């Protein structure tokens, strides 16, 4: 299983309704994603104040993640996330191979 973890540093003027709409769009990609969870980062340990929001998606394997990465629906939603974060530098992505 691959865990796709994405953390967002939202721009100050990011529209909460736009963020909610993008999350709804990602969650709807059930033909690509096995599980999807998202929410605000409350930073309990005080280590990630720059990341305001995040989501996790799981995929069966690397090939499934690649299908997601190249899917036009994902790419369109990703472009909207980039805009919400004021550019690509506002997004951090970890892809963890959890098949051990």
PDB file of N, CA and C in Angstrom:
ATOM      1  N   UNK A   1       0.845  -1.176   0.000  1.00  0.00           N
ATOM      2  CA  UNK A   1       0.000   0.000   0.000  1.00  0.00           C
ATOM      3  C   UNK A   1       0.888   1.236   0.000  1.00  0.00           C
ATOM      4  N   UNK A   2       0.467   2.234  -0.727  1.00  0.00           N
ATOM      5  CA  UNK A   2       1.157   3.521  -0.770  1.00  0.00           C
ATOM      6  C   UNK A   2       0.287   4.549  -0.047  1.00  0.00           C
ATOM      7  N   UNK A   3       0.907   5.266   0.885  1.00  0.00           N
ATOM      8  CA  UNK A   3       0.242   6.383   1.563  1.00  0.00           C
ATOM      9  C   UNK A   3       0.752   7.668   0.932  1.00  0.00           C
ATOM     10  N   UNK A   4      -0.150   8.410   0.352  1.00  0.00           N
ATOM     11  CA  UNK A   4       0.142   9.695  -0.291  1.00  0.00           C
ATOM     12  C   UNK A   4      -0.292  10.769   0.700  1.00  0.00           C
ATOM     13  N   UNK A   5       0.676  11.435   1.317  1.00  0.00           N
ATOM     14  CA  UNK A   5       0.407  12.438   2.354  1.00  0.00           C
ATOM     15  C   UNK A   5       0.739  13.815   1.804  1.00  0.00           C
ATOM     16  N   UNK A   6      -0.230  14.712   1.844  1.00  0.00           N
ATOM     17  CA  UNK A   6      -0.071  16.047   1.261  1.00  0.00           C
ATOM     18  C   UNK A   6      -0.405  17.086   2.331  1.00  0.00           C
ATOM     19  N   UNK A   7       0.505  18.053   2.496  1.00  0.00           N
ATOM     20  CA  UNK A   7       0.328  19.105   3.499  1.00  0.00           C
ATOM     21  C   UNK A   7       0.369  20.454   2.817  1.00  0.00           C
ATOM     22  N   UNK A   8      -0.585  21.304   3.176  1.00  0.00           N
ATOM     23  CA  UNK A   8      -0.811  22.570   2.485  1.00  0.00           C
ATOM     24  C   UNK A   8      -0.521  23.764   3.377  1.00  0.00           C
ATOM     25  N   UNK A   9       0.291  24.682   2.863  1.00  0.00           N
ATOM     26  CA  UNK A   9       0.492  25.988   3.490  1.00  0.00           C
ATOM     27  C   UNK A   9      -0.364  26.958   2.688  1.00  0.00           C
ATOM     28  N   UNK A  10      -1.554  27.180   3.167  1.00  0.00           N
ATOM     29  CA  UNK A  10      -2.524  27.985   2.424  1.00  0.00           C
ATOM     30  C   UNK A  10      -2.139  29.460   2.422  1.00  0.00           C
ATOM     31  N   UNK A  11      -2.400  30.120   1.299  1.00  0.00           N
ATOM     32  CA  UNK A  11      -2.196  31.557   1.209  1.00  0.00           C
ATOM     33  C   UNK A  11      -3.179  32.247   2.147  1.00  0.00           C
ATOM     34  N   UNK A  12      -2.816  33.437   2.608  1.00  0.00           N
ATOM     35  CA  UNK A  12      -3.678  34.168   3.552  1.00  0.00           C
ATOM     36  C   UNK A  12      -5.070  34.423   2.992  1.00  0.00           C
ATOM     37  N   UNK A  13      -5.158  34.596   1.680  1.00  0.00           N
ATOM     38  CA  UNK A  13      -6.450  34.893   1.066  1.00  0.00           C
ATOM     39  C   UNK A  13      -7.131  33.651   0.470  1.00  0.00           C
ATOM     40  N   UNK A  14      -6.673  32.454   0.869  1.00  0.00           N
ATOM     41  CA  UNK A  14      -7.268  31.214   0.347  1.00  0.00           C
ATOM     42  C   UNK A  14      -8.744  31.135   0.724  1.00  0.00           C
ATOM     43  N   UNK A  15      -9.550  30.806  -0.235  1.00  0.00           N
ATOM     44  CA  UNK A  15     -11.001  30.717  -0.053  1.00  0.00           C
ATOM     45  C   UNK A  15     -11.362  29.362   0.550  1.00  0.00           C
ATOM     46  N   UNK A  16     -11.925  29.335   1.772  1.00  0.00           N
ATOM     47  CA  UNK A  16     -12.301  28.071   2.401  1.00  0.00           C
ATOM     48  C   UNK A  16     -13.297  27.256   1.566  1.00  0.00           C
ATOM     49  N   UNK A  17     -14.191  27.924   0.853  1.00  0.00           N
ATOM     50  CA  UNK A  17     -15.162  27.216   0.020  1.00  0.00           C
ATOM     51  C   UNK A  17     -14.457  26.532  -1.151  1.00  0.00           C
ATOM     52  N   UNK A  18     -13.447  27.166  -1.709  1.00  0.00           N
ATOM     53  CA  UNK A  18     -12.676  26.568  -2.800  1.00  0.00           C
ATOM     54  C   UNK A  18     -11.909  25.350  -2.289  1.00  0.00           C
ATOM     55  N   UNK A  19     -11.310  25.463  -1.113  1.00  0.00           N
ATOM     56  CA  UNK A  19     -10.599  24.324  -0.519  1.00  0.00           C
ATOM     57  C   UNK A  19     -11.567  23.163  -0.296  1.00  0.00           C
ATOM     58  N   UNK A  20     -12.738  23.440   0.253  1.00  0.00           N
ATOM     59  CA  UNK A  20     -13.734  22.389   0.485  1.00  0.00           C
ATOM     60  C   UNK A  20     -14.147  21.738  -0.832  1.00  0.00           C
ATOM     61  N   UNK A  21     -14.297  22.533  -1.877  1.00  0.00           N
ATOM     62  CA  UNK A  21     -14.692  22.003  -3.175  1.00  0.00           C
ATOM     63  C   UNK A  21     -13.603  21.099  -3.754  1.00  0.00           C
ATOM     64  N   UNK A  22     -12.338  21.484  -3.599  1.00  0.00           N
ATOM     65  CA  UNK A  22     -11.236  20.646  -4.083  1.00  0.00           C
ATOM     66  C   UNK A  22     -11.197  19.334  -3.304  1.00  0.00           C
ATOM     67  N   UNK A  23     -11.379  19.390  -1.984  1.00  0.00           N
ATOM     68  CA  UNK A  23     -11.367  18.164  -1.182  1.00  0.00           C
ATOM     69  C   UNK A  23     -12.508  17.236  -1.600  1.00  0.00           C
ATOM     70  N   UNK A  24     -13.672  17.806  -1.873  1.00  0.00           N
ATOM     71  CA  UNK A  24     -14.807  17.007  -2.354  1.00  0.00           C
ATOM     72  C   UNK A  24     -14.460  16.353  -3.688  1.00  0.00           C
ATOM     73  N   UNK A  25     -13.808  17.107  -4.550  1.00  0.00           N
ATOM     74  CA  UNK A  25     -13.409  16.572  -5.844  1.00  0.00           C
ATOM     75  C   UNK A  25     -12.412  15.429  -5.713  1.00  0.00           C
ATOM     76  N   UNK A  26     -11.419  15.579  -4.844  1.00  0.00           N
ATOM     77  CA  UNK A  26     -10.448  14.504  -4.636  1.00  0.00           C
ATOM     78  C   UNK A  26     -11.119  13.266  -4.043  1.00  0.00           C
ATOM     79  N   UNK A  27     -11.976  13.473  -3.059  1.00  0.00           N
ATOM     80  CA  UNK A  27     -12.669  12.351  -2.423  1.00  0.00           C
ATOM     81  C   UNK A  27     -13.535  11.586  -3.415  1.00  0.00           C
ATOM     82  N   UNK A  28     -13.979  12.264  -4.470  1.00  0.00           N
ATOM     83  CA  UNK A  28     -14.839  11.630  -5.474  1.00  0.00           C
ATOM     84  C   UNK A  28     -14.063  10.746  -6.455  1.00  0.00           C
ATOM     85  N   UNK A  29     -12.750  10.779  -6.406  1.00  0.00           N
ATOM     86  CA  UNK A  29     -11.938   9.977  -7.330  1.00  0.00           C
ATOM     87  C   UNK A  29     -11.810   8.538  -6.830  1.00  0.00           C
ATOM     88  N   UNK A  30     -12.947   7.934  -6.525  1.00  0.00           N
ATOM     89  CA  UNK A  30     -12.965   6.597  -5.926  1.00  0.00           C
ATOM     90  C   UNK A  30     -12.508   5.509  -6.886  1.00  0.00           C
ATOM     91  N   UNK A  31     -12.479   5.805  -8.173  1.00  0.00           N
ATOM     92  CA  UNK A  31     -11.957   4.828  -9.117  1.00  0.00           C
ATOM     93  C   UNK A  31     -10.430   4.787  -9.097  1.00  0.00           C
ATOM     94  N   UNK A  32      -9.806   5.765  -8.433  1.00  0.00           N
ATOM     95  CA  UNK A  32      -8.350   5.846  -8.355  1.00  0.00           C
ATOM     96  C   UNK A  32      -7.821   5.667  -6.933  1.00  0.00           C
ATOM     97  N   UNK A  33      -8.551   6.197  -5.972  1.00  0.00           N
ATOM     98  CA  UNK A  33      -8.097   6.259  -4.575  1.00  0.00           C
ATOM     99  C   UNK A  33      -8.824   5.208  -3.746  1.00  0.00           C
ATOM    100  N   UNK A  34      -8.087   4.473  -2.913  1.00  0.00           N
ATOM    101  CA  UNK A  34      -8.722   3.486  -2.019  1.00  0.00           C
ATOM    102  C   UNK A  34      -9.363   4.165  -0.818  1.00  0.00           C
ATOM    103  N   UNK A  35      -8.618   5.032  -0.124  1.00  0.00           N
ATOM    104  CA  UNK A  35      -9.165   5.783   1.004  1.00  0.00           C
ATOM    105  C   UNK A  35      -8.695   7.222   0.905  1.00  0.00           C
ATOM    106  N   UNK A  36      -9.501   8.136   1.453  1.00  0.00           N
ATOM    107  CA  UNK A  36      -9.172   9.560   1.418  1.00  0.00           C
ATOM    108  C   UNK A  36      -9.653  10.198   2.710  1.00  0.00           C
ATOM    109  N   UNK A  37      -8.757  10.878   3.397  1.00  0.00           N
ATOM    110  CA  UNK A  37      -9.116  11.636   4.599  1.00  0.00           C
ATOM    111  C   UNK A  37      -8.454  13.004   4.512  1.00  0.00           C
ATOM    112  N   UNK A  38      -9.084  14.002   5.132  1.00  0.00           N
ATOM    113  CA  UNK A  38      -8.521  15.357   5.080  1.00  0.00           C
ATOM    114  C   UNK A  38      -8.987  16.147   6.287  1.00  0.00           C
ATOM    115  N   UNK A  39      -8.280  17.231   6.575  1.00  0.00           N
ATOM    116  CA  UNK A  39      -8.691  18.100   7.654  1.00  0.00           C
ATOM    117  C   UNK A  39      -7.641  19.136   7.989  1.00  0.00           C
ATOM    118  N   UNK A  40      -8.020  20.068   8.876  1.00  0.00           N
ATOM    119  CA  UNK A  40      -7.085  21.118   9.292  1.00  0.00           C
ATOM    120  C   UNK A  40      -6.007  20.547  10.218  1.00  0.00           C
ATOM    121  N   UNK A  41      -4.832  21.119  10.140  1.00  0.00           N
ATOM    122  CA  UNK A  41      -3.726  20.748  11.015  1.00  0.00           C
ATOM    123  C   UNK A  41      -3.809  21.590  12.283  1.00  0.00           C
ATOM    124  N   UNK A  42      -4.024  20.956  13.431  1.00  0.00           N
ATOM    125  CA  UNK A  42      -4.055  21.723  14.677  1.00  0.00           C
ATOM    126  C   UNK A  42      -2.702  21.719  15.369  1.00  0.00           C
ATOM    127  N   UNK A  43      -1.699  21.070  14.786  1.00  0.00           N
ATOM    128  CA  UNK A  43      -0.293  21.156  15.179  1.00  0.00           C
ATOM    129  C   UNK A  43      -0.085  20.963  16.683  1.00  0.00           C
ATOM    130  N   UNK A  44      -0.516  19.821  17.193  1.00  0.00           N
ATOM    131  CA  UNK A  44      -0.448  19.521  18.620  1.00  0.00           C
ATOM    132  C   UNK A  44       0.966  19.606  19.189  1.00  0.00           C
ATOM    133  N   UNK A  45       1.979  19.292  18.381  1.00  0.00           N
ATOM    134  CA  UNK A  45       3.362  19.317  18.871  1.00  0.00           C
ATOM    135  C   UNK A  45       4.082  20.621  18.533  1.00  0.00           C
ATOM    136  N   UNK A  46       3.434  21.521  17.854  1.00  0.00           N
ATOM    137  CA  UNK A  46       4.045  22.805  17.528  1.00  0.00           C
ATOM    138  C   UNK A  46       5.198  22.706  16.545  1.00  0.00           C
ATOM    139  N   UNK A  47       5.141  21.719  15.648  1.00  0.00           N
ATOM    140  CA  UNK A  47       6.255  21.513  14.718  1.00  0.00           C
ATOM    141  C   UNK A  47       5.927  21.872  13.271  1.00  0.00           C
ATOM    142  N   UNK A  48       4.647  22.110  12.976  1.00  0.00           N
ATOM    143  CA  UNK A  48       4.271  22.364  11.584  1.00  0.00           C
ATOM    144  C   UNK A  48       3.267  23.514  11.452  1.00  0.00           C
ATOM    145  N   UNK A  49       3.569  24.666  12.030  1.00  0.00           N
ATOM    146  CA  UNK A  49       2.602  25.770  11.946  1.00  0.00           C
ATOM    147  C   UNK A  49       2.386  26.261  10.519  1.00  0.00           C
ATOM    148  N   UNK A  50       3.324  25.982   9.621  1.00  0.00           N
ATOM    149  CA  UNK A  50       3.198  26.437   8.237  1.00  0.00           C
ATOM    150  C   UNK A  50       2.186  25.612   7.449  1.00  0.00           C
ATOM    151  N   UNK A  51       1.866  24.422   7.932  1.00  0.00           N
ATOM    152  CA  UNK A  51       0.913  23.566   7.221  1.00  0.00           C
ATOM    153  C   UNK A  51      -0.457  23.706   7.864  1.00  0.00           C
ATOM    154  N   UNK A  52      -1.351  24.347   7.148  1.00  0.00           N
ATOM    155  CA  UNK A  52      -2.677  24.641   7.695  1.00  0.00           C
ATOM    156  C   UNK A  52      -3.678  23.515   7.496  1.00  0.00           C
ATOM    157  N   UNK A  53      -3.425  22.690   6.496  1.00  0.00           N
ATOM    158  CA  UNK A  53      -4.416  21.688   6.112  1.00  0.00           C
ATOM    159  C   UNK A  53      -3.688  20.530   5.442  1.00  0.00           C
ATOM    160  N   UNK A  54      -4.313  19.371   5.432  1.00  0.00           N
ATOM    161  CA  UNK A  54      -3.670  18.250   4.766  1.00  0.00           C
ATOM    162  C   UNK A  54      -4.655  17.168   4.395  1.00  0.00           C
ATOM    163  N   UNK A  55      -4.164  16.237   3.584  1.00  0.00           N
ATOM    164  CA  UNK A  55      -4.964  15.072   3.256  1.00  0.00           C
ATOM    165  C   UNK A  55      -4.063  13.868   3.040  1.00  0.00           C
ATOM    166  N   UNK A  56      -4.655  12.703   3.243  1.00  0.00           N
ATOM    167  CA  UNK A  56      -4.000  11.416   2.993  1.00  0.00           C
ATOM    168  C   UNK A  56      -4.880  10.616   2.050  1.00  0.00           C
ATOM    169  N   UNK A  57      -4.221   9.981   1.093  1.00  0.00           N
ATOM    170  CA  UNK A  57      -4.899   9.061   0.185  1.00  0.00           C
ATOM    171  C   UNK A  57      -4.083   7.780   0.157  1.00  0.00           C
ATOM    172  N   UNK A  58      -4.755   6.661   0.035  1.00  0.00           N
ATOM    173  CA  UNK A  58      -4.030   5.401  -0.086  1.00  0.00           C
ATOM    174  C   UNK A  58      -4.289   4.780  -1.450  1.00  0.00           C
ATOM    175  N   UNK A  59      -3.265   4.057  -1.912  1.00  0.00           N
ATOM    176  CA  UNK A  59      -3.283   3.395  -3.215  1.00  0.00           C
ATOM    177  C   UNK A  59      -2.750   1.988  -3.045  1.00  0.00           C
ATOM    178  N   UNK A  60      -3.213   1.079  -3.866  1.00  0.00           N
ATOM    179  CA  UNK A  60      -2.800  -0.322  -3.764  1.00  0.00           C
ATOM    180  C   UNK A  60      -1.299  -0.485  -3.980  1.00  0.00           C
ATOM    181  N   UNK A  61      -0.754   0.282  -4.922  1.00  0.00           N
ATOM    182  CA  UNK A  61       0.659   0.129  -5.264  1.00  0.00           C
ATOM    183  C   UNK A  61       1.128   1.375  -6.011  1.00  0.00           C
ATOM    184  N   UNK A  62       2.384   1.375  -6.417  1.00  0.00           N
ATOM    185  CA  UNK A  62       2.949   2.529  -7.110  1.00  0.00           C
ATOM    186  C   UNK A  62       2.280   2.769  -8.458  1.00  0.00           C
ATOM    187  N   UNK A  63       1.888   1.720  -9.131  1.00  0.00           N
ATOM    188  CA  UNK A  63       1.202   1.885 -10.418  1.00  0.00           C
ATOM    189  C   UNK A  63      -0.124   2.627 -10.238  1.00  0.00           C
ATOM    190  N   UNK A  64      -0.841   2.328  -9.175  1.00  0.00           N
ATOM    191  CA  UNK A  64      -2.107   3.020  -8.897  1.00  0.00           C
ATOM    192  C   UNK A  64      -1.859   4.493  -8.594  1.00  0.00           C
ATOM    193  N   UNK A  65      -0.799   4.791  -7.847  1.00  0.00           N
ATOM    194  CA  UNK A  65      -0.443   6.183  -7.576  1.00  0.00           C
ATOM    195  C   UNK A  65      -0.087   6.903  -8.869  1.00  0.00           C
ATOM    196  N   UNK A  66       0.616   6.239  -9.758  1.00  0.00           N
ATOM    197  CA  UNK A  66       0.975   6.847 -11.044  1.00  0.00           C
ATOM    198  C   UNK A  66      -0.278   7.138 -11.874  1.00  0.00           C
ATOM    199  N   UNK A  67      -1.248   6.247 -11.874  1.00  0.00           N
ATOM    200  CA  UNK A  67      -2.508   6.504 -12.604  1.00  0.00           C
ATOM    201  C   UNK A  67      -3.194   7.753 -12.048  1.00  0.00           C
ATOM    202  N   UNK A  68      -3.203   7.886 -10.733  1.00  0.00           N
ATOM    203  CA  UNK A  68      -3.770   9.068 -10.069  1.00  0.00           C
ATOM    204  C   UNK A  68      -2.995  10.324 -10.468  1.00  0.00           C
ATOM    205  N   UNK A  69      -1.669  10.248 -10.427  1.00  0.00           N
ATOM    206  CA  UNK A  69      -0.833  11.416 -10.706  1.00  0.00           C
ATOM    207  C   UNK A  69      -1.038  11.949 -12.119  1.00  0.00           C
ATOM    208  N   UNK A  70      -1.317  11.064 -13.063  1.00  0.00           N
ATOM    209  CA  UNK A  70      -1.453  11.484 -14.461  1.00  0.00           C
ATOM    210  C   UNK A  70      -2.902  11.686 -14.900  1.00  0.00           C
ATOM    211  N   UNK A  71      -3.839  11.405 -14.012  1.00  0.00           N
ATOM    212  CA  UNK A  71      -5.249  11.565 -14.352  1.00  0.00           C
ATOM    213  C   UNK A  71      -5.582  13.057 -14.505  1.00  0.00           C
ATOM    214  N   UNK A  72      -6.265  13.441 -15.578  1.00  0.00           N
ATOM    215  CA  UNK A  72      -6.581  14.858 -15.796  1.00  0.00           C
ATOM    216  C   UNK A  72      -7.436  15.478 -14.693  1.00  0.00           C
ATOM    217  N   UNK A  73      -8.308  14.692 -14.080  1.00  0.00           N
ATOM    218  CA  UNK A  73      -9.128  15.227 -12.978  1.00  0.00           C
ATOM    219  C   UNK A  73      -8.241  15.606 -11.797  1.00  0.00           C
ATOM    220  N   UNK A  74      -7.308  14.727 -11.457  1.00  0.00           N
ATOM    221  CA  UNK A  74      -6.377  15.020 -10.360  1.00  0.00           C
ATOM    222  C   UNK A  74      -5.523  16.232 -10.706  1.00  0.00           C
ATOM    223  N   UNK A  75      -5.040  16.297 -11.930  1.00  0.00           N
ATOM    224  CA  UNK A  75      -4.189  17.420 -12.323  1.00  0.00           C
ATOM    225  C   UNK A  75      -4.935  18.750 -12.238  1.00  0.00           C
ATOM    226  N   UNK A  76      -6.208  18.764 -12.616  1.00  0.00           N
ATOM    227  CA  UNK A  76      -7.007  19.990 -12.520  1.00  0.00           C
ATOM    228  C   UNK A  76      -7.221  20.387 -11.062  1.00  0.00           C
ATOM    229  N   UNK A  77      -7.533  19.418 -10.211  1.00  0.00           N
ATOM    230  CA  UNK A  77      -7.715  19.709  -8.785  1.00  0.00           C
ATOM    231  C   UNK A  77      -6.400  20.147  -8.159  1.00  0.00           C
ATOM    232  N   UNK A  78      -5.301  19.521  -8.566  1.00  0.00           N
ATOM    233  CA  UNK A  78      -3.986  19.903  -8.059  1.00  0.00           C
ATOM    234  C   UNK A  78      -3.631  21.337  -8.421  1.00  0.00           C
ATOM    235  N   UNK A  79      -3.983  21.754  -9.623  1.00  0.00           N
ATOM    236  CA  UNK A  79      -3.722  23.137 -10.035  1.00  0.00           C
ATOM    237  C   UNK A  79      -4.489  24.115  -9.147  1.00  0.00           C
ATOM    238  N   UNK A  80      -5.682  23.737  -8.758  1.00  0.00           N
ATOM    239  CA  UNK A  80      -6.472  24.596  -7.861  1.00  0.00           C
ATOM    240  C   UNK A  80      -5.824  24.659  -6.489  1.00  0.00           C
ATOM    241  N   UNK A  81      -5.250  23.535  -6.022  1.00  0.00           N
ATOM    242  CA  UNK A  81      -4.539  23.543  -4.735  1.00  0.00           C
ATOM    243  C   UNK A  81      -3.310  24.440  -4.799  1.00  0.00           C
ATOM    244  N   UNK A  82      -2.585  24.365  -5.902  1.00  0.00           N
ATOM    245  CA  UNK A  82      -1.411  25.227  -6.076  1.00  0.00           C
ATOM    246  C   UNK A  82      -1.832  26.689  -5.947  1.00  0.00           C
ATOM    247  N   UNK A  83      -2.933  27.060  -6.575  1.00  0.00           N
ATOM    248  CA  UNK A  83      -3.421  28.439  -6.485  1.00  0.00           C
ATOM    249  C   UNK A  83      -3.798  28.799  -5.048  1.00  0.00           C
ATOM    250  N   UNK A  84      -4.442  27.880  -4.344  1.00  0.00           N
ATOM    251  CA  UNK A  84      -4.824  28.134  -2.942  1.00  0.00           C
ATOM    252  C   UNK A  84      -3.614  28.325  -2.042  1.00  0.00           C
ATOM    253  N   UNK A  85      -2.490  27.742  -2.427  1.00  0.00           N
ATOM    254  CA  UNK A  85      -1.266  27.816  -1.625  1.00  0.00           C
ATOM    255  C   UNK A  85      -0.304  28.890  -2.136  1.00  0.00           C
ATOM    256  N   UNK A  86      -0.716  29.652  -3.125  1.00  0.00           N
ATOM    257  CA  UNK A  86       0.144  30.704  -3.650  1.00  0.00           C
ATOM    258  C   UNK A  86       1.351  30.180  -4.403  1.00  0.00           C
ATOM    259  N   UNK A  87       1.270  28.959  -4.900  1.00  0.00           N
ATOM    260  CA  UNK A  87       2.362  28.370  -5.672  1.00  0.00           C
ATOM    261  C   UNK A  87       2.716  26.984  -5.178  1.00  0.00           C
ATOM    262  N   UNK A  88       3.521  26.286  -5.970  1.00  0.00           N
ATOM    263  CA  UNK A  88       3.902  24.906  -5.658  1.00  0.00           C
ATOM    264  C   UNK A  88       4.676  24.772  -4.355  1.00  0.00           C
ATOM    265  N   UNK A  89       5.414  25.810  -3.965  1.00  0.00           N
ATOM    266  CA  UNK A  89       6.197  25.731  -2.730  1.00  0.00           C
ATOM    267  C   UNK A  89       5.331  25.649  -1.478  1.00  0.00           C
ATOM    268  N   UNK A  90       4.041  25.897  -1.613  1.00  0.00           N
ATOM    269  CA  UNK A  90       3.130  25.805  -0.485  1.00  0.00           C
ATOM    270  C   UNK A  90       2.577  24.403  -0.269  1.00  0.00           C
ATOM    271  N   UNK A  91       3.075  23.444  -1.039  1.00  0.00           N
ATOM    272  CA  UNK A  91       2.575  22.072  -0.939  1.00  0.00           C
ATOM    273  C   UNK A  91       3.741  21.127  -0.685  1.00  0.00           C
ATOM    274  N   UNK A  92       3.591  20.297   0.334  1.00  0.00           N
ATOM    275  CA  UNK A  92       4.586  19.269   0.654  1.00  0.00           C
ATOM    276  C   UNK A  92       3.922  17.911   0.475  1.00  0.00           C
ATOM    277  N   UNK A  93       4.620  17.001  -0.223  1.00  0.00           N
ATOM    278  CA  UNK A  93       4.063  15.685  -0.506  1.00  0.00           C
ATOM    279  C   UNK A  93       5.042  14.608  -0.055  1.00  0.00           C
ATOM    280  N   UNK A  94       4.512  13.606   0.644  1.00  0.00           N
ATOM    281  CA  UNK A  94       5.268  12.409   1.007  1.00  0.00           C
ATOM    282  C   UNK A  94       4.518  11.215   0.446  1.00  0.00           C
ATOM    283  N   UNK A  95       5.241  10.330  -0.233  1.00  0.00           N
ATOM    284  CA  UNK A  95       4.658   9.081  -0.722  1.00  0.00           C
ATOM    285  C   UNK A  95       5.379   7.943  -0.007  1.00  0.00           C
ATOM    286  N   UNK A  96       4.677   7.296   0.910  1.00  0.00           N
ATOM    287  CA  UNK A  96       5.262   6.277   1.759  1.00  0.00           C
ATOM    288  C   UNK A  96       4.851   4.891   1.301  1.00  0.00           C
ATOM    289  N   UNK A  97       5.823   4.029   1.099  1.00  0.00           N
ATOM    290  CA  UNK A  97       5.565   2.633   0.743  1.00  0.00           C
ATOM    291  C   UNK A  97       5.338   1.866   2.035  1.00  0.00           C
ATOM    292  N   UNK A  98       4.090   1.558   2.317  1.00  0.00           N
ATOM    293  CA  UNK A  98       3.708   0.914   3.580  1.00  0.00           C
ATOM    294  C   UNK A  98       3.412  -0.576   3.393  1.00  0.00           C
ATOM    295  N   UNK A  99       4.011  -1.186   2.375  1.00  0.00           N
ATOM    296  CA  UNK A  99       3.716  -2.586   2.097  1.00  0.00           C
ATOM    297  C   UNK A  99       4.550  -3.553   2.929  1.00  0.00           C
ATOM    298  N   UNK A 100       5.364  -3.044   3.806  1.00  0.00           N
ATOM    299  CA  UNK A 100       6.189  -3.938   4.645  1.00  0.00           C
ATOM    300  C   UNK A 100       5.336  -4.709   5.620  1.00  0.00           C
TER     301      UNK A 100
END
